[in-house]
Protein backbone atom coordinates (compact mmCIF):
# COMPACT_ATOMS: atom_id res chain seq x y z
CA MET A 1 96.70 112.23 107.23
CA GLN A 2 98.47 111.00 104.32
CA TYR A 3 96.40 110.30 101.24
CA SER A 4 97.19 107.82 98.30
CA MET A 5 99.92 108.35 95.94
CA ARG A 6 99.74 110.30 92.86
CA LEU A 7 101.33 109.35 89.84
CA VAL A 8 102.91 111.62 87.22
CA THR A 9 101.88 109.82 84.83
CA ALA A 10 99.64 107.27 84.41
CA ARG A 11 98.87 107.52 80.93
CA GLN A 12 102.77 107.15 80.24
CA ILE A 13 102.14 103.57 81.99
CA ARG A 14 98.77 102.72 80.07
CA ASP A 15 100.99 103.52 77.09
CA TRP A 16 103.80 101.29 77.65
CA ALA A 17 101.09 98.63 78.46
CA GLY A 18 99.62 99.32 74.98
CA GLU A 19 103.26 99.15 73.23
CA ARG A 20 104.37 95.63 75.24
CA ALA A 21 101.58 93.23 75.36
CA ASP A 22 103.37 90.62 77.88
CA ALA A 23 104.22 93.48 80.01
CA ALA A 24 100.49 95.14 79.93
CA PRO A 25 98.95 92.66 82.69
CA SER A 26 102.46 93.83 85.32
CA LEU A 27 101.96 97.48 84.32
CA LEU A 28 98.34 97.59 85.00
CA GLY A 29 98.74 95.89 88.25
CA TRP A 30 101.60 98.05 89.33
CA LEU A 31 99.60 101.23 88.38
CA GLN A 32 96.70 99.67 90.36
CA VAL A 33 98.86 98.92 93.86
CA THR A 34 100.85 102.23 93.31
CA LYS A 35 97.60 104.71 93.02
CA SER A 36 96.20 103.45 96.46
CA ALA A 37 99.61 102.98 98.34
CA ARG A 38 100.47 105.35 101.18
CA TRP A 39 104.25 104.98 100.89
CA GLN A 40 106.13 106.57 103.57
CA GLY A 41 109.69 105.04 102.56
CA ILE A 42 111.41 101.81 100.40
CA GLN A 43 110.07 99.54 103.46
CA ASP A 44 106.60 100.18 102.70
CA VAL A 45 107.13 99.98 98.94
CA ARG A 46 108.54 96.56 99.39
CA ARG A 47 105.83 95.56 101.27
CA SER A 48 103.70 95.97 98.03
CA PHE A 49 106.67 94.86 95.23
CA SER A 50 109.51 92.97 97.49
CA HIS A 51 111.89 93.41 94.52
CA ALA A 52 111.89 96.97 94.57
CA ASP A 53 115.30 98.41 94.77
CA PRO A 54 116.58 102.12 95.61
CA VAL A 55 119.82 102.94 92.88
CA LYS A 56 121.37 106.20 92.91
CA VAL A 57 122.31 108.23 89.49
CA ALA A 58 124.39 110.74 88.28
CA SER A 59 122.26 113.26 89.42
CA GLY A 60 123.03 111.95 92.75
CA ASN A 61 119.38 111.39 93.12
CA THR A 62 118.26 108.01 93.89
CA VAL A 63 115.64 106.55 91.56
CA THR A 64 113.41 103.16 92.20
CA ILE A 65 113.70 100.20 90.23
CA PHE A 66 110.64 97.78 89.77
CA ASN A 67 110.87 94.30 88.07
CA ILE A 68 107.83 94.05 85.63
CA ALA A 69 106.65 91.03 83.80
CA GLY A 70 108.46 88.13 85.60
CA ASN A 71 111.80 90.33 85.55
CA ARG A 72 111.89 90.80 81.75
CA TYR A 73 111.21 94.47 81.81
CA ARG A 74 112.37 97.57 84.51
CA LEU A 75 110.13 100.29 85.40
CA ILE A 76 112.12 103.38 86.83
CA THR A 77 110.63 105.86 88.97
CA ALA A 78 111.16 109.03 90.91
CA ILE A 79 109.00 108.62 94.40
CA HIS A 80 108.82 111.68 96.40
CA TYR A 81 107.74 110.31 99.46
CA ASN A 82 107.09 113.49 101.08
CA GLN A 83 105.03 114.93 98.60
CA GLY A 84 103.02 111.37 97.86
CA VAL A 85 104.02 111.43 94.21
CA VAL A 86 105.85 108.73 91.96
CA PHE A 87 106.99 110.26 88.58
CA THR A 88 107.53 107.32 85.94
CA LEU A 89 110.99 107.82 84.31
CA ARG A 90 111.90 104.74 82.17
CA PHE A 91 110.29 101.29 80.94
CA LEU A 92 113.42 99.24 79.83
CA THR A 93 113.70 95.70 78.73
CA HIS A 94 116.09 93.91 81.10
CA ALA A 95 118.95 94.38 78.33
CA GLU A 96 118.17 98.11 78.00
CA TYR A 97 118.51 98.23 81.80
CA ASP A 98 121.64 96.31 82.17
CA LYS A 99 123.69 98.79 79.84
CA GLU A 100 123.05 101.16 82.17
CA LYS A 101 122.87 104.11 80.14
CA TRP A 102 119.68 105.33 82.11
CA LYS A 103 121.65 105.95 85.22
CA ARG A 104 124.30 108.80 83.28
CA GLN A 105 120.93 110.53 81.50
CA LEU A 106 119.20 110.72 85.46
């Protein structure tokens, strides 16, 4: 039996929502959906968030990117499907995301 996804850390999502009022509804909605999800792969994620994309980063790991607030922001996560855990890594404006500095850092 697979349990709902566990978030590390949900508090960070709430903090980002508090810092960016225009993104708050999208972030809090993402949080609610993710906490009740039972994702086993990217195809499951895309059933919840159709524009979620896997991206390989410098470390060789794959992160999952979510569009937030009508594509104004990007939420970068690491999803460990085998453990049912989602790590929140970065929350960037679209312009910050496009610079791709984050790819070299992860």
